[in-house]
Amino acid sequence: MAGRQVPANYRLAVCASQKLAGWVTAAAIAFASVGCRQSRDDAHAREVATRVRTEFLHAWTNYEKYAWGHDALKPLSKTPHDWYGQGG
């Protein structure tokens, strides 16, 4: 049996399975590293969302208070501004 030759398609299958195993290992490492960062990314996203919500509510509350029924609020003077229909 020492002189038995391995068919070419068998060697190709072994090579392909080794490459596949390499890719699977690389993908597992990549996904694992993303998973470790995910909690930090989620915390940052929650922080940004909270800041955006706070700023939006600040703007909306002041619009209601100083410019309700008008097109916009001039934030420095706290006066309303009607730009719609002014013509141009």
C-alpha atoms as a PDB file:
ATOM      1  CA  MET A   1       0.000   0.000   0.000  1.00  0.00           C
ATOM      2  CA  ALA A   2       3.006   2.276   0.192  1.00  0.00           C
ATOM      3  CA  GLY A   3       2.795   2.872  -3.539  1.00  0.00           C
ATOM      4  CA  ARG A   4      -0.873   3.843  -3.449  1.00  0.00           C
ATOM      5  CA  GLN A   5      -1.510   7.238  -4.949  1.00  0.00           C
ATOM      6  CA  VAL A   6      -4.112   9.629  -3.525  1.00  0.00           C
ATOM      7  CA  PRO A   7      -6.623  10.825  -6.143  1.00  0.00           C
ATOM      8  CA  ALA A   8      -6.316  14.507  -7.131  1.00  0.00           C
ATOM      9  CA  ASN A   9      -9.913  15.288  -6.185  1.00  0.00           C
ATOM     10  CA  TYR A  10      -9.272  13.979  -2.644  1.00  0.00           C
ATOM     11  CA  ARG A  11      -6.298  16.354  -2.250  1.00  0.00           C
ATOM     12  CA  LEU A  12      -8.455  19.186  -3.574  1.00  0.00           C
ATOM     13  CA  ALA A  13     -11.190  18.373  -1.051  1.00  0.00           C
ATOM     14  CA  VAL A  14      -8.673  18.309   1.824  1.00  0.00           C
ATOM     15  CA  CYS A  15      -7.208  21.650   0.699  1.00  0.00           C
ATOM     16  CA  ALA A  16     -10.664  23.205   0.417  1.00  0.00           C
ATOM     17  CA  SER A  17     -11.689  21.972   3.854  1.00  0.00           C
ATOM     18  CA  GLN A  18      -8.482  23.373   5.373  1.00  0.00           C
ATOM     19  CA  LYS A  19      -9.144  26.749   3.743  1.00  0.00           C
ATOM     20  CA  LEU A  20     -12.728  26.658   4.970  1.00  0.00           C
ATOM     21  CA  ALA A  21     -11.554  25.872   8.491  1.00  0.00           C
ATOM     22  CA  GLY A  22      -9.180  28.828   8.291  1.00  0.00           C
ATOM     23  CA  TRP A  23     -11.940  31.167   7.167  1.00  0.00           C
ATOM     24  CA  VAL A  24     -14.301  29.899   9.863  1.00  0.00           C
ATOM     25  CA  THR A  25     -11.628  30.484  12.500  1.00  0.00           C
ATOM     26  CA  ALA A  26     -10.930  33.994  11.196  1.00  0.00           C
ATOM     27  CA  ALA A  27     -14.650  34.804  11.124  1.00  0.00           C
ATOM     28  CA  ALA A  28     -15.110  33.512  14.668  1.00  0.00           C
ATOM     29  CA  ILE A  29     -12.265  35.713  15.896  1.00  0.00           C
ATOM     30  CA  ALA A  30     -13.676  38.726  14.076  1.00  0.00           C
ATOM     31  CA  PHE A  31     -17.179  38.216  15.451  1.00  0.00           C
ATOM     32  CA  ALA A  32     -15.841  37.585  18.950  1.00  0.00           C
ATOM     33  CA  SER A  33     -13.884  40.834  18.920  1.00  0.00           C
ATOM     34  CA  VAL A  34     -16.955  42.738  17.729  1.00  0.00           C
ATOM     35  CA  GLY A  35     -18.991  41.144  20.485  1.00  0.00           C
ATOM     36  CA  CYS A  36     -16.545  42.412  23.095  1.00  0.00           C
ATOM     37  CA  ARG A  37     -16.871  45.969  21.793  1.00  0.00           C
ATOM     38  CA  GLN A  38     -20.610  45.792  21.429  1.00  0.00           C
ATOM     39  CA  SER A  39     -21.403  46.713  25.028  1.00  0.00           C
ATOM     40  CA  ARG A  40     -19.157  49.797  24.812  1.00  0.00           C
ATOM     41  CA  ASP A  41     -20.740  50.785  21.504  1.00  0.00           C
ATOM     42  CA  ASP A  42     -24.229  50.282  22.944  1.00  0.00           C
ATOM     43  CA  ALA A  43     -23.383  52.404  25.987  1.00  0.00           C
ATOM     44  CA  HIS A  44     -22.026  55.168  23.732  1.00  0.00           C
ATOM     45  CA  ALA A  45     -25.125  54.997  21.513  1.00  0.00           C
ATOM     46  CA  ARG A  46     -27.385  55.296  24.575  1.00  0.00           C
ATOM     47  CA  GLU A  47     -25.377  58.285  25.812  1.00  0.00           C
ATOM     48  CA  VAL A  48     -25.603  60.024  22.436  1.00  0.00           C
ATOM     49  CA  ALA A  49     -29.330  59.268  22.186  1.00  0.00           C
ATOM     50  CA  THR A  50     -29.890  60.757  25.649  1.00  0.00           C
ATOM     51  CA  ARG A  51     -27.975  63.906  24.727  1.00  0.00           C
ATOM     52  CA  VAL A  52     -29.893  64.289  21.449  1.00  0.00           C
ATOM     53  CA  ARG A  53     -33.209  63.811  23.256  1.00  0.00           C
ATOM     54  CA  THR A  54     -32.256  66.401  25.884  1.00  0.00           C
ATOM     55  CA  GLU A  55     -31.287  68.971  23.246  1.00  0.00           C
ATOM     56  CA  PHE A  56     -34.424  68.307  21.205  1.00  0.00           C
ATOM     57  CA  LEU A  57     -36.672  68.739  24.251  1.00  0.00           C
ATOM     58  CA  HIS A  58     -34.856  71.958  25.171  1.00  0.00           C
ATOM     59  CA  ALA A  59     -35.479  73.366  21.684  1.00  0.00           C
ATOM     60  CA  TRP A  60     -39.090  72.159  21.545  1.00  0.00           C
ATOM     61  CA  THR A  61     -39.960  73.494  25.006  1.00  0.00           C
ATOM     62  CA  ASN A  62     -38.600  76.936  24.170  1.00  0.00           C
ATOM     63  CA  TYR A  63     -40.358  76.939  20.805  1.00  0.00           C
ATOM     64  CA  GLU A  64     -43.636  76.202  22.602  1.00  0.00           C
ATOM     65  CA  LYS A  65     -42.939  78.894  25.187  1.00  0.00           C
ATOM     66  CA  TYR A  66     -41.745  81.739  22.953  1.00  0.00           C
ATOM     67  CA  ALA A  67     -42.866  81.049  19.377  1.00  0.00           C
ATOM     68  CA  TRP A  68     -45.897  78.748  19.381  1.00  0.00           C
ATOM     69  CA  GLY A  69     -47.972  79.352  16.266  1.00  0.00           C
ATOM     70  CA  HIS A  70     -45.084  80.907  14.345  1.00  0.00           C
ATOM     71  CA  ASP A  71     -42.639  79.448  11.838  1.00  0.00           C
ATOM     72  CA  ALA A  72     -39.494  79.546  13.946  1.00  0.00           C
ATOM     73  CA  LEU A  73     -37.854  80.782  17.114  1.00  0.00           C
ATOM     74  CA  LYS A  74     -34.916  83.167  17.169  1.00  0.00           C
ATOM     75  CA  PRO A  75     -32.985  81.571  20.023  1.00  0.00           C
ATOM     76  CA  LEU A  76     -30.890  84.567  21.109  1.00  0.00           C
ATOM     77  CA  SER A  77     -33.702  87.110  21.247  1.00  0.00           C
ATOM     78  CA  LYS A  78     -36.337  84.496  22.184  1.00  0.00           C
ATOM     79  CA  THR A  79     -38.722  86.000  19.658  1.00  0.00           C
ATOM     80  CA  PRO A  80     -40.780  84.308  16.943  1.00  0.00           C
ATOM     81  CA  HIS A  81     -39.974  84.575  13.255  1.00  0.00           C
ATOM     82  CA  ASP A  82     -42.435  84.018  10.419  1.00  0.00           C
ATOM     83  CA  TRP A  83     -40.513  83.298   7.238  1.00  0.00           C
ATOM     84  CA  TYR A  84     -43.203  81.367   5.399  1.00  0.00           C
ATOM     85  CA  GLY A  85     -45.086  83.516   2.928  1.00  0.00           C
ATOM     86  CA  GLN A  86     -42.768  86.523   3.224  1.00  0.00           C
ATOM     87  CA  GLY A  87     -41.869  86.300  -0.425  1.00  0.00           C
ATOM     88  CA  GLY A  88     -38.422  86.546  -1.651  1.00  0.00           C
END
